[in-house]
Amino acid sequence: MRGTVTVQKKPAAKAVVVLRPVTPGPLKELMPHGEVGPDGTFRVGTYADNDGAPAGDYTVTITWPESRTDPKTGDEVNGDRLQGRFGDPAKSPWKVTIKAGDNELEPFRLD
């Protein structure tokens, strides 16, 4: 399973895409995920890198981790470049249905 993530038409390199199962059941404990590459593409893995996600319905969350140095303290500060806008499954605008086989997700454009 693969897709793309862009922010203002540019690749969101290092952003993290997580598929969160919608319904209770055996999938509920799984968190298929993938990291966006320099070209804006990602592949999802569940049990191993790039092995896809089990068939089912998912809510998609996206975070874009950043690490920077606080200019006042010199401490390393970790955060989300997207400021949490797409990290909460309850507020996510994206739902996807994964079917058996290879799946190409619609592009996620974070403009």
PDB file of N, CA and C in Angstrom:
ATOM      1  N   MET A   1       0.844  -1.162   0.000  1.00  0.00           N
ATOM      2  CA  MET A   1       0.000   0.000   0.000  1.00  0.00           C
ATOM      3  C   MET A   1       0.890   1.226   0.000  1.00  0.00           C
ATOM      4  N   ARG A   2       0.504   2.190  -0.818  1.00  0.00           N
ATOM      5  CA  ARG A   2       1.331   3.380  -0.942  1.00  0.00           C
ATOM      6  C   ARG A   2       0.470   4.621  -1.141  1.00  0.00           C
ATOM      7  N   GLY A   3       1.117   5.773  -0.997  1.00  0.00           N
ATOM      8  CA  GLY A   3       0.444   7.044  -1.202  1.00  0.00           C
ATOM      9  C   GLY A   3       1.450   8.171  -1.203  1.00  0.00           C
ATOM     10  N   THR A   4       0.949   9.399  -1.212  1.00  0.00           N
ATOM     11  CA  THR A   4       1.812  10.580  -1.173  1.00  0.00           C
ATOM     12  C   THR A   4       1.264  11.588  -0.168  1.00  0.00           C
ATOM     13  N   VAL A   5       2.185  12.387   0.384  1.00  0.00           N
ATOM     14  CA  VAL A   5       1.814  13.475   1.289  1.00  0.00           C
ATOM     15  C   VAL A   5       2.586  14.709   0.852  1.00  0.00           C
ATOM     16  N   THR A   6       1.855  15.795   0.606  1.00  0.00           N
ATOM     17  CA  THR A   6       2.494  17.063   0.269  1.00  0.00           C
ATOM     18  C   THR A   6       1.939  18.171   1.153  1.00  0.00           C
ATOM     19  N   VAL A   7       2.769  19.185   1.354  1.00  0.00           N
ATOM     20  CA  VAL A   7       2.374  20.393   2.067  1.00  0.00           C
ATOM     21  C   VAL A   7       2.700  21.558   1.141  1.00  0.00           C
ATOM     22  N   GLN A   8       1.699  22.311   0.776  1.00  0.00           N
ATOM     23  CA  GLN A   8       1.838  23.411  -0.177  1.00  0.00           C
ATOM     24  C   GLN A   8       2.563  22.938  -1.437  1.00  0.00           C
ATOM     25  N   LYS A   9       2.129  21.768  -1.938  1.00  0.00           N
ATOM     26  CA  LYS A   9       2.613  21.146  -3.174  1.00  0.00           C
ATOM     27  C   LYS A   9       4.055  20.657  -3.110  1.00  0.00           C
ATOM     28  N   LYS A  10       4.648  20.627  -1.904  1.00  0.00           N
ATOM     29  CA  LYS A  10       6.008  20.117  -1.743  1.00  0.00           C
ATOM     30  C   LYS A  10       5.966  18.844  -0.899  1.00  0.00           C
ATOM     31  N   PRO A  11       6.890  17.898  -1.144  1.00  0.00           N
ATOM     32  CA  PRO A  11       6.908  16.649  -0.364  1.00  0.00           C
ATOM     33  C   PRO A  11       7.065  16.922   1.129  1.00  0.00           C
ATOM     34  N   ALA A  12       6.307  16.198   1.934  1.00  0.00           N
ATOM     35  CA  ALA A  12       6.392  16.314   3.398  1.00  0.00           C
ATOM     36  C   ALA A  12       7.350  15.234   3.912  1.00  0.00           C
ATOM     37  N   ALA A  13       8.609  15.313   3.482  1.00  0.00           N
ATOM     38  CA  ALA A  13       9.611  14.311   3.843  1.00  0.00           C
ATOM     39  C   ALA A  13       9.701  14.143   5.357  1.00  0.00           C
ATOM     40  N   LYS A  14       9.695  12.893   5.788  1.00  0.00           N
ATOM     41  CA  LYS A  14       9.788  12.489   7.203  1.00  0.00           C
ATOM     42  C   LYS A  14       8.460  12.580   7.952  1.00  0.00           C
ATOM     43  N   ALA A  15       7.380  13.004   7.292  1.00  0.00           N
ATOM     44  CA  ALA A  15       6.062  12.956   7.937  1.00  0.00           C
ATOM     45  C   ALA A  15       5.705  11.490   8.172  1.00  0.00           C
ATOM     46  N   VAL A  16       4.857  11.235   9.155  1.00  0.00           N
ATOM     47  CA  VAL A  16       4.475   9.871   9.508  1.00  0.00           C
ATOM     48  C   VAL A  16       2.968   9.701   9.311  1.00  0.00           C
ATOM     49  N   VAL A  17       2.605   8.705   8.510  1.00  0.00           N
ATOM     50  CA  VAL A  17       1.208   8.372   8.220  1.00  0.00           C
ATOM     51  C   VAL A  17       0.852   7.132   9.037  1.00  0.00           C
ATOM     52  N   VAL A  18      -0.236   7.205   9.802  1.00  0.00           N
ATOM     53  CA  VAL A  18      -0.675   6.073  10.622  1.00  0.00           C
ATOM     54  C   VAL A  18      -2.123   5.753  10.273  1.00  0.00           C
ATOM     55  N   LEU A  19      -2.398   4.469  10.057  1.00  0.00           N
ATOM     56  CA  LEU A  19      -3.760   3.999   9.822  1.00  0.00           C
ATOM     57  C   LEU A  19      -4.284   3.422  11.124  1.00  0.00           C
ATOM     58  N   ARG A  20      -5.398   3.970  11.607  1.00  0.00           N
ATOM     59  CA  ARG A  20      -5.977   3.541  12.876  1.00  0.00           C
ATOM     60  C   ARG A  20      -7.306   2.848  12.595  1.00  0.00           C
ATOM     61  N   PRO A  21      -7.415   1.559  12.958  1.00  0.00           N
ATOM     62  CA  PRO A  21      -8.656   0.816  12.680  1.00  0.00           C
ATOM     63  C   PRO A  21      -9.879   1.512  13.264  1.00  0.00           C
ATOM     64  N   VAL A  22     -10.957   1.550  12.476  1.00  0.00           N
ATOM     65  CA  VAL A  22     -12.186   2.224  12.879  1.00  0.00           C
ATOM     66  C   VAL A  22     -13.012   1.359  13.815  1.00  0.00           C
ATOM     67  N   THR A  23     -13.126   0.067  13.518  1.00  0.00           N
ATOM     68  CA  THR A  23     -14.004  -0.805  14.290  1.00  0.00           C
ATOM     69  C   THR A  23     -13.236  -1.651  15.286  1.00  0.00           C
ATOM     70  N   PRO A  24     -13.870  -1.961  16.423  1.00  0.00           N
ATOM     71  CA  PRO A  24     -13.237  -2.851  17.396  1.00  0.00           C
ATOM     72  C   PRO A  24     -13.048  -4.239  16.780  1.00  0.00           C
ATOM     73  N   GLY A  25     -12.107  -4.964  17.307  1.00  0.00           N
ATOM     74  CA  GLY A  25     -11.854  -6.314  16.803  1.00  0.00           C
ATOM     75  C   GLY A  25     -10.371  -6.576  16.743  1.00  0.00           C
ATOM     76  N   PRO A  26      -9.990  -7.606  16.028  1.00  0.00           N
ATOM     77  CA  PRO A  26      -8.582  -7.988  16.000  1.00  0.00           C
ATOM     78  C   PRO A  26      -7.665  -6.933  15.392  1.00  0.00           C
ATOM     79  N   LEU A  27      -8.194  -6.064  14.532  1.00  0.00           N
ATOM     80  CA  LEU A  27      -7.358  -5.027  13.933  1.00  0.00           C
ATOM     81  C   LEU A  27      -7.079  -3.872  14.893  1.00  0.00           C
ATOM     82  N   LYS A  28      -7.875  -3.749  15.957  1.00  0.00           N
ATOM     83  CA  LYS A  28      -7.811  -2.579  16.833  1.00  0.00           C
ATOM     84  C   LYS A  28      -6.414  -2.340  17.421  1.00  0.00           C
ATOM     85  N   GLU A  29      -5.655  -3.399  17.639  1.00  0.00           N
ATOM     86  CA  GLU A  29      -4.330  -3.248  18.236  1.00  0.00           C
ATOM     87  C   GLU A  29      -3.253  -2.905  17.210  1.00  0.00           C
ATOM     88  N   LEU A  30      -3.581  -3.001  15.929  1.00  0.00           N
ATOM     89  CA  LEU A  30      -2.587  -2.760  14.888  1.00  0.00           C
ATOM     90  C   LEU A  30      -2.507  -1.277  14.549  1.00  0.00           C
ATOM     91  N   MET A  31      -1.319  -0.845  14.185  1.00  0.00           N
ATOM     92  CA  MET A  31      -1.112   0.535  13.767  1.00  0.00           C
ATOM     93  C   MET A  31      -0.257   0.547  12.507  1.00  0.00           C
ATOM     94  N   PRO A  32      -0.830   0.159  11.367  1.00  0.00           N
ATOM     95  CA  PRO A  32      -0.056   0.238  10.128  1.00  0.00           C
ATOM     96  C   PRO A  32       0.431   1.674   9.932  1.00  0.00           C
ATOM     97  N   HIS A  33       1.672   1.826   9.494  1.00  0.00           N
ATOM     98  CA  HIS A  33       2.239   3.166   9.376  1.00  0.00           C
ATOM     99  C   HIS A  33       3.340   3.202   8.314  1.00  0.00           C
ATOM    100  N   GLY A  34       3.707   4.399   7.933  1.00  0.00           N
ATOM    101  CA  GLY A  34       4.796   4.598   6.995  1.00  0.00           C
ATOM    102  C   GLY A  34       5.351   5.999   7.116  1.00  0.00           C
ATOM    103  N   GLU A  35       6.629   6.137   6.743  1.00  0.00           N
ATOM    104  CA  GLU A  35       7.283   7.440   6.754  1.00  0.00           C
ATOM    105  C   GLU A  35       7.398   7.954   5.328  1.00  0.00           C
ATOM    106  N   VAL A  36       7.115   9.223   5.164  1.00  0.00           N
ATOM    107  CA  VAL A  36       7.166   9.852   3.851  1.00  0.00           C
ATOM    108  C   VAL A  36       8.623  10.076   3.449  1.00  0.00           C
ATOM    109  N   GLY A  37       8.929   9.693   2.225  1.00  0.00           N
ATOM    110  CA  GLY A  37      10.280   9.859   1.697  1.00  0.00           C
ATOM    111  C   GLY A  37      10.498  11.244   1.107  1.00  0.00           C
ATOM    112  N   PRO A  38      11.727  11.501   0.636  1.00  0.00           N
ATOM    113  CA  PRO A  38      12.068  12.814   0.078  1.00  0.00           C
ATOM    114  C   PRO A  38      11.237  13.210  -1.140  1.00  0.00           C
ATOM    115  N   ASP A  39      10.669  12.224  -1.832  1.00  0.00           N
ATOM    116  CA  ASP A  39       9.851  12.517  -3.010  1.00  0.00           C
ATOM    117  C   ASP A  39       8.366  12.659  -2.678  1.00  0.00           C
ATOM    118  N   GLY A  40       8.012  12.546  -1.386  1.00  0.00           N
ATOM    119  CA  GLY A  40       6.619  12.692  -0.962  1.00  0.00           C
ATOM    120  C   GLY A  40       5.836  11.398  -0.906  1.00  0.00           C
ATOM    121  N   THR A  41       6.456  10.267  -1.286  1.00  0.00           N
ATOM    122  CA  THR A  41       5.741   8.994  -1.270  1.00  0.00           C
ATOM    123  C   THR A  41       6.000   8.237   0.027  1.00  0.00           C
ATOM    124  N   PHE A  42       5.065   7.359   0.354  1.00  0.00           N
ATOM    125  CA  PHE A  42       5.233   6.479   1.506  1.00  0.00           C
ATOM    126  C   PHE A  42       4.668   5.110   1.172  1.00  0.00           C
ATOM    127  N   ARG A  43       5.150   4.117   1.880  1.00  0.00           N
ATOM    128  CA  ARG A  43       4.611   2.762   1.823  1.00  0.00           C
ATOM    129  C   ARG A  43       4.292   2.368   3.252  1.00  0.00           C
ATOM    130  N   VAL A  44       3.164   1.695   3.442  1.00  0.00           N
ATOM    131  CA  VAL A  44       2.700   1.325   4.775  1.00  0.00           C
ATOM    132  C   VAL A  44       3.157  -0.082   5.126  1.00  0.00           C
ATOM    133  N   GLY A  45       3.527  -0.239   6.387  1.00  0.00           N
ATOM    134  CA  GLY A  45       3.854  -1.548   6.926  1.00  0.00           C
ATOM    135  C   GLY A  45       3.123  -1.776   8.233  1.00  0.00           C
ATOM    136  N   THR A  46       2.800  -3.036   8.506  1.00  0.00           N
ATOM    137  CA  THR A  46       2.122  -3.394   9.741  1.00  0.00           C
ATOM    138  C   THR A  46       3.021  -4.270  10.605  1.00  0.00           C
ATOM    139  N   TYR A  47       3.439  -5.396  10.070  1.00  0.00           N
ATOM    140  CA  TYR A  47       4.290  -6.341  10.795  1.00  0.00           C
ATOM    141  C   TYR A  47       5.755  -6.180  10.398  1.00  0.00           C
ATOM    142  N   ALA A  48       5.989  -5.683   9.184  1.00  0.00           N
ATOM    143  CA  ALA A  48       7.331  -5.438   8.665  1.00  0.00           C
ATOM    144  C   ALA A  48       7.250  -4.225   7.737  1.00  0.00           C
ATOM    145  N   ASP A  49       8.375  -3.611   7.467  1.00  0.00           N
ATOM    146  CA  ASP A  49       8.389  -2.461   6.567  1.00  0.00           C
ATOM    147  C   ASP A  49       7.744  -2.812   5.234  1.00  0.00           C
ATOM    148  N   ASN A  50       6.857  -1.965   4.787  1.00  0.00           N
ATOM    149  CA  ASN A  50       6.256  -2.042   3.453  1.00  0.00           C
ATOM    150  C   ASN A  50       5.406  -3.279   3.191  1.00  0.00           C
ATOM    151  N   ASP A  51       4.927  -3.972   4.238  1.00  0.00           N
ATOM    152  CA  ASP A  51       4.097  -5.159   3.993  1.00  0.00           C
ATOM    153  C   ASP A  51       2.610  -4.831   3.862  1.00  0.00           C
ATOM    154  N   GLY A  52       2.242  -3.545   3.893  1.00  0.00           N
ATOM    155  CA  GLY A  52       0.851  -3.137   3.717  1.00  0.00           C
ATOM    156  C   GLY A  52       0.073  -3.133   5.016  1.00  0.00           C
ATOM    157  N   ALA A  53      -1.242  -3.137   4.879  1.00  0.00           N
ATOM    158  CA  ALA A  53      -2.148  -3.125   6.034  1.00  0.00           C
ATOM    159  C   ALA A  53      -3.230  -4.170   5.799  1.00  0.00           C
ATOM    160  N   PRO A  54      -3.719  -4.802   6.871  1.00  0.00           N
ATOM    161  CA  PRO A  54      -4.828  -5.747   6.721  1.00  0.00           C
ATOM    162  C   PRO A  54      -6.064  -5.051   6.148  1.00  0.00           C
ATOM    163  N   ALA A  55      -6.866  -5.805   5.400  1.00  0.00           N
ATOM    164  CA  ALA A  55      -8.102  -5.249   4.849  1.00  0.00           C
ATOM    165  C   ALA A  55      -8.977  -4.730   5.993  1.00  0.00           C
ATOM    166  N   GLY A  56      -9.610  -3.589   5.775  1.00  0.00           N
ATOM    167  CA  GLY A  56     -10.490  -3.012   6.780  1.00  0.00           C
ATOM    168  C   GLY A  56     -10.644  -1.518   6.581  1.00  0.00           C
ATOM    169  N   ASP A  57     -11.381  -0.899   7.492  1.00  0.00           N
ATOM    170  CA  ASP A  57     -11.618   0.542   7.466  1.00  0.00           C
ATOM    171  C   ASP A  57     -10.714   1.220   8.478  1.00  0.00           C
ATOM    172  N   TYR A  58     -10.131   2.332   8.066  1.00  0.00           N
ATOM    173  CA  TYR A  58      -9.170   3.036   8.904  1.00  0.00           C
ATOM    174  C   TYR A  58      -9.419   4.535   8.884  1.00  0.00           C
ATOM    175  N   THR A  59      -9.022   5.185   9.983  1.00  0.00           N
ATOM    176  CA  THR A  59      -8.892   6.629  10.044  1.00  0.00           C
ATOM    177  C   THR A  59      -7.411   6.919   9.877  1.00  0.00           C
ATOM    178  N   VAL A  60      -7.073   7.901   9.060  1.00  0.00           N
ATOM    179  CA  VAL A  60      -5.675   8.226   8.797  1.00  0.00           C
ATOM    180  C   VAL A  60      -5.276   9.444   9.618  1.00  0.00           C
ATOM    181  N   THR A  61      -4.128   9.337  10.295  1.00  0.00           N
ATOM    182  CA  THR A  61      -3.549  10.495  10.972  1.00  0.00           C
ATOM    183  C   THR A  61      -2.165  10.747  10.377  1.00  0.00           C
ATOM    184  N   ILE A  62      -1.779  12.010  10.377  1.00  0.00           N
ATOM    185  CA  ILE A  62      -0.469  12.390   9.854  1.00  0.00           C
ATOM    186  C   ILE A  62       0.163  13.377  10.822  1.00  0.00           C
ATOM    187  N   THR A  63       1.400  13.088  11.196  1.00  0.00           N
ATOM    188  CA  THR A  63       2.205  14.022  11.972  1.00  0.00           C
ATOM    189  C   THR A  63       3.504  14.255  11.207  1.00  0.00           C
ATOM    190  N   TRP A  64       4.149  15.362  11.481  1.00  0.00           N
ATOM    191  CA  TRP A  64       5.403  15.697  10.801  1.00  0.00           C
ATOM    192  C   TRP A  64       6.395  16.135  11.872  1.00  0.00           C
ATOM    193  N   PRO A  65       7.074  15.143  12.466  1.00  0.00           N
ATOM    194  CA  PRO A  65       7.974  15.448  13.574  1.00  0.00           C
ATOM    195  C   PRO A  65       9.077  16.433  13.190  1.00  0.00           C
ATOM    196  N   GLU A  66       9.413  17.279  14.137  1.00  0.00           N
ATOM    197  CA  GLU A  66      10.539  18.190  13.955  1.00  0.00           C
ATOM    198  C   GLU A  66      11.318  18.260  15.257  1.00  0.00           C
ATOM    199  N   SER A  67      12.576  18.480  15.110  1.00  0.00           N
ATOM    200  CA  SER A  67      13.455  18.652  16.264  1.00  0.00           C
ATOM    201  C   SER A  67      14.260  19.915  16.002  1.00  0.00           C
ATOM    202  N   ARG A  68      14.247  20.809  16.962  1.00  0.00           N
ATOM    203  CA  ARG A  68      14.984  22.055  16.801  1.00  0.00           C
ATOM    204  C   ARG A  68      15.563  22.475  18.144  1.00  0.00           C
ATOM    205  N   THR A  69      16.436  23.429  18.112  1.00  0.00           N
ATOM    206  CA  THR A  69      17.055  23.923  19.338  1.00  0.00           C
ATOM    207  C   THR A  69      16.374  25.213  19.761  1.00  0.00           C
ATOM    208  N   ASP A  70      15.955  25.267  21.024  1.00  0.00           N
ATOM    209  CA  ASP A  70      15.347  26.474  21.567  1.00  0.00           C
ATOM    210  C   ASP A  70      16.441  27.540  21.666  1.00  0.00           C
ATOM    211  N   PRO A  71      16.259  28.696  21.014  1.00  0.00           N
ATOM    212  CA  PRO A  71      17.311  29.713  21.022  1.00  0.00           C
ATOM    213  C   PRO A  71      17.589  30.309  22.402  1.00  0.00           C
ATOM    214  N   LYS A  72      16.596  30.275  23.297  1.00  0.00           N
ATOM    215  CA  LYS A  72      16.794  30.852  24.633  1.00  0.00           C
ATOM    216  C   LYS A  72      17.527  29.910  25.570  1.00  0.00           C
ATOM    217  N   THR A  73      17.177  28.613  25.514  1.00  0.00           N
ATOM    218  CA  THR A  73      17.734  27.665  26.477  1.00  0.00           C
ATOM    219  C   THR A  73      18.801  26.746  25.885  1.00  0.00           C
ATOM    220  N   GLY A  74      18.794  26.604  24.564  1.00  0.00           N
ATOM    221  CA  GLY A  74      19.717  25.669  23.933  1.00  0.00           C
ATOM    222  C   GLY A  74      19.234  24.226  24.005  1.00  0.00           C
ATOM    223  N   ASP A  75      18.053  24.022  24.605  1.00  0.00           N
ATOM    224  CA  ASP A  75      17.496  22.669  24.724  1.00  0.00           C
ATOM    225  C   ASP A  75      16.912  22.220  23.389  1.00  0.00           C
ATOM    226  N   GLU A  76      16.941  20.907  23.177  1.00  0.00           N
ATOM    227  CA  GLU A  76      16.295  20.351  22.000  1.00  0.00           C
ATOM    228  C   GLU A  76      14.796  20.291  22.256  1.00  0.00           C
ATOM    229  N   VAL A  77      14.018  20.773  21.288  1.00  0.00           N
ATOM    230  CA  VAL A  77      12.569  20.804  21.402  1.00  0.00           C
ATOM    231  C   VAL A  77      12.000  19.925  20.291  1.00  0.00           C
ATOM    232  N   ASN A  78      11.114  19.013  20.671  1.00  0.00           N
ATOM    233  CA  ASN A  78      10.463  18.149  19.694  1.00  0.00           C
ATOM    234  C   ASN A  78       9.019  18.590  19.535  1.00  0.00           C
ATOM    235  N   GLY A  79       8.541  18.515  18.315  1.00  0.00           N
ATOM    236  CA  GLY A  79       7.157  18.924  18.066  1.00  0.00           C
ATOM    237  C   GLY A  79       6.640  18.356  16.765  1.00  0.00           C
ATOM    238  N   ASP A  80       5.521  18.890  16.336  1.00  0.00           N
ATOM    239  CA  ASP A  80       4.859  18.481  15.103  1.00  0.00           C
ATOM    240  C   ASP A  80       4.738  19.720  14.221  1.00  0.00           C
ATOM    241  N   ARG A  81       5.363  19.690  13.055  1.00  0.00           N
ATOM    242  CA  ARG A  81       5.297  20.836  12.139  1.00  0.00           C
ATOM    243  C   ARG A  81       3.865  21.162  11.741  1.00  0.00           C
ATOM    244  N   LEU A  82       2.987  20.187  11.846  1.00  0.00           N
ATOM    245  CA  LEU A  82       1.585  20.399  11.492  1.00  0.00           C
ATOM    246  C   LEU A  82       0.764  20.853  12.696  1.00  0.00           C
ATOM    247  N   GLN A  83       1.424  21.045  13.828  1.00  0.00           N
ATOM    248  CA  GLN A  83       0.820  21.546  15.066  1.00  0.00           C
ATOM    249  C   GLN A  83      -0.380  20.723  15.512  1.00  0.00           C
ATOM    250  N   GLY A  84      -0.321  19.406  15.273  1.00  0.00           N
ATOM    251  CA  GLY A  84      -1.360  18.503  15.746  1.00  0.00           C
ATOM    252  C   GLY A  84      -2.650  18.526  14.947  1.00  0.00           C
ATOM    253  N   ARG A  85      -2.714  19.303  13.867  1.00  0.00           N
ATOM    254  CA  ARG A  85      -3.962  19.436  13.106  1.00  0.00           C
ATOM    255  C   ARG A  85      -4.468  18.120  12.527  1.00  0.00           C
ATOM    256  N   PHE A  86      -3.552  17.195  12.221  1.00  0.00           N
ATOM    257  CA  PHE A  86      -3.951  15.950  11.581  1.00  0.00           C
ATOM    258  C   PHE A  86      -3.575  14.724  12.406  1.00  0.00           C
ATOM    259  N   GLY A  87      -3.181  14.926  13.657  1.00  0.00           N
ATOM    260  CA  GLY A  87      -2.723  13.834  14.501  1.00  0.00           C
ATOM    261  C   GLY A  87      -3.776  13.196  15.384  1.00  0.00           C
ATOM    262  N   ASP A  88      -4.938  13.813  15.491  1.00  0.00           N
ATOM    263  CA  ASP A  88      -6.005  13.300  16.354  1.00  0.00           C
ATOM    264  C   ASP A  88      -6.998  12.502  15.515  1.00  0.00           C
ATOM    265  N   PRO A  89      -7.108  11.178  15.765  1.00  0.00           N
ATOM    266  CA  PRO A  89      -8.033  10.386  14.954  1.00  0.00           C
ATOM    267  C   PRO A  89      -9.486  10.864  15.028  1.00  0.00           C
ATOM    268  N   ALA A  90      -9.885  11.461  16.143  1.00  0.00           N
ATOM    269  CA  ALA A  90     -11.267  11.932  16.289  1.00  0.00           C
ATOM    270  C   ALA A  90     -11.553  13.128  15.374  1.00  0.00           C
ATOM    271  N   LYS A  91     -10.499  13.849  14.967  1.00  0.00           N
ATOM    272  CA  LYS A  91     -10.685  15.035  14.134  1.00  0.00           C
ATOM    273  C   LYS A  91     -10.156  14.834  12.712  1.00  0.00           C
ATOM    274  N   SER A  92      -9.673  13.657  12.410  1.00  0.00           N
ATOM    275  CA  SER A  92      -9.081  13.408  11.102  1.00  0.00           C
ATOM    276  C   SER A  92     -10.112  13.549   9.980  1.00  0.00           C
ATOM    277  N   PRO A  93      -9.734  14.234   8.899  1.00  0.00           N
ATOM    278  CA  PRO A  93     -10.649  14.349   7.766  1.00  0.00           C
ATOM    279  C   PRO A  93     -10.596  13.137   6.821  1.00  0.00           C
ATOM    280  N   TRP A  94      -9.730  12.151   7.135  1.00  0.00           N
ATOM    281  CA  TRP A  94      -9.512  11.056   6.193  1.00  0.00           C
ATOM    282  C   TRP A  94      -9.934   9.697   6.736  1.00  0.00           C
ATOM    283  N   LYS A  95     -10.736   9.029   5.953  1.00  0.00           N
ATOM    284  CA  LYS A  95     -11.116   7.631   6.207  1.00  0.00           C
ATOM    285  C   LYS A  95     -10.767   6.858   4.938  1.00  0.00           C
ATOM    286  N   VAL A  96     -10.184   5.677   5.095  1.00  0.00           N
ATOM    287  CA  VAL A  96      -9.851   4.850   3.936  1.00  0.00           C
ATOM    288  C   VAL A  96     -10.316   3.418   4.178  1.00  0.00           C
ATOM    289  N   THR A  97     -10.644   2.748   3.096  1.00  0.00           N
ATOM    290  CA  THR A  97     -10.968   1.329   3.140  1.00  0.00           C
ATOM    291  C   THR A  97      -9.874   0.598   2.383  1.00  0.00           C
ATOM    292  N   ILE A  98      -9.220  -0.314   3.067  1.00  0.00           N
ATOM    293  CA  ILE A  98      -8.153  -1.104   2.468  1.00  0.00           C
ATOM    294  C   ILE A  98      -8.731  -2.448   2.067  1.00  0.00           C
ATOM    295  N   LYS A  99      -8.484  -2.835   0.837  1.00  0.00           N
ATOM    296  CA  LYS A  99      -8.936  -4.131   0.328  1.00  0.00           C
ATOM    297  C   LYS A  99      -7.729  -5.043   0.193  1.00  0.00           C
ATOM    298  N   ALA A 100      -7.969  -6.334   0.098  1.00  0.00           N
ATOM    299  CA  ALA A 100      -6.880  -7.295  -0.099  1.00  0.00           C
ATOM    300  C   ALA A 100      -6.127  -6.928  -1.366  1.00  0.00           C
ATOM    301  N   GLY A 101      -4.811  -7.107  -1.353  1.00  0.00           N
ATOM    302  CA  GLY A 101      -3.992  -6.776  -2.510  1.00  0.00           C
ATOM    303  C   GLY A 101      -3.341  -5.417  -2.347  1.00  0.00           C
ATOM    304  N   ASP A 102      -2.791  -4.924  -3.448  1.00  0.00           N
ATOM    305  CA  ASP A 102      -2.091  -3.642  -3.418  1.00  0.00           C
ATOM    306  C   ASP A 102      -3.105  -2.501  -3.478  1.00  0.00           C
ATOM    307  N   ASN A 103      -2.886  -1.472  -2.675  1.00  0.00           N
ATOM    308  CA  ASN A 103      -3.786  -0.315  -2.619  1.00  0.00           C
ATOM    309  C   ASN A 103      -2.987   0.959  -2.856  1.00  0.00           C
ATOM    310  N   GLU A 104      -3.525   1.836  -3.676  1.00  0.00           N
ATOM    311  CA  GLU A 104      -2.953   3.164  -3.901  1.00  0.00           C
ATOM    312  C   GLU A 104      -3.919   4.157  -3.271  1.00  0.00           C
ATOM    313  N   LEU A 105      -3.462   4.882  -2.244  1.00  0.00           N
ATOM    314  CA  LEU A 105      -4.325   5.850  -1.569  1.00  0.00           C
ATOM    315  C   LEU A 105      -4.365   7.163  -2.340  1.00  0.00           C
ATOM    316  N   GLU A 106      -5.474   7.857  -2.212  1.00  0.00           N
ATOM    317  CA  GLU A 106      -5.563   9.207  -2.790  1.00  0.00           C
ATOM    318  C   GLU A 106      -4.490  10.074  -2.132  1.00  0.00           C
ATOM    319  N   PRO A 107      -3.915  11.025  -2.854  1.00  0.00           N
ATOM    320  CA  PRO A 107      -2.890  11.889  -2.257  1.00  0.00           C
ATOM    321  C   PRO A 107      -3.434  12.676  -1.067  1.00  0.00           C
ATOM    322  N   PHE A 108      -2.593  12.822  -0.059  1.00  0.00           N
ATOM    323  CA  PHE A 108      -2.930  13.654   1.101  1.00  0.00           C
ATOM    324  C   PHE A 108      -2.251  15.006   0.867  1.00  0.00           C
ATOM    325  N   ARG A 109      -3.059  16.036   0.614  1.00  0.00           N
ATOM    326  CA  ARG A 109      -2.540  17.379   0.339  1.00  0.00           C
ATOM    327  C   ARG A 109      -2.853  18.249   1.546  1.00  0.00           C
ATOM    328  N   LEU A 110      -1.822  18.629   2.246  1.00  0.00           N
ATOM    329  CA  LEU A 110      -1.985  19.403   3.483  1.00  0.00           C
ATOM    330  C   LEU A 110      -1.680  20.872   3.208  1.00  0.00           C
ATOM    331  N   ASP A 111      -2.614  21.551   2.569  1.00  0.00           N
ATOM    332  CA  ASP A 111      -2.384  22.945   2.184  1.00  0.00           C
ATOM    333  C   ASP A 111      -3.021  23.905   3.134  1.00  0.00           C
TER     334      ASP A 111
END
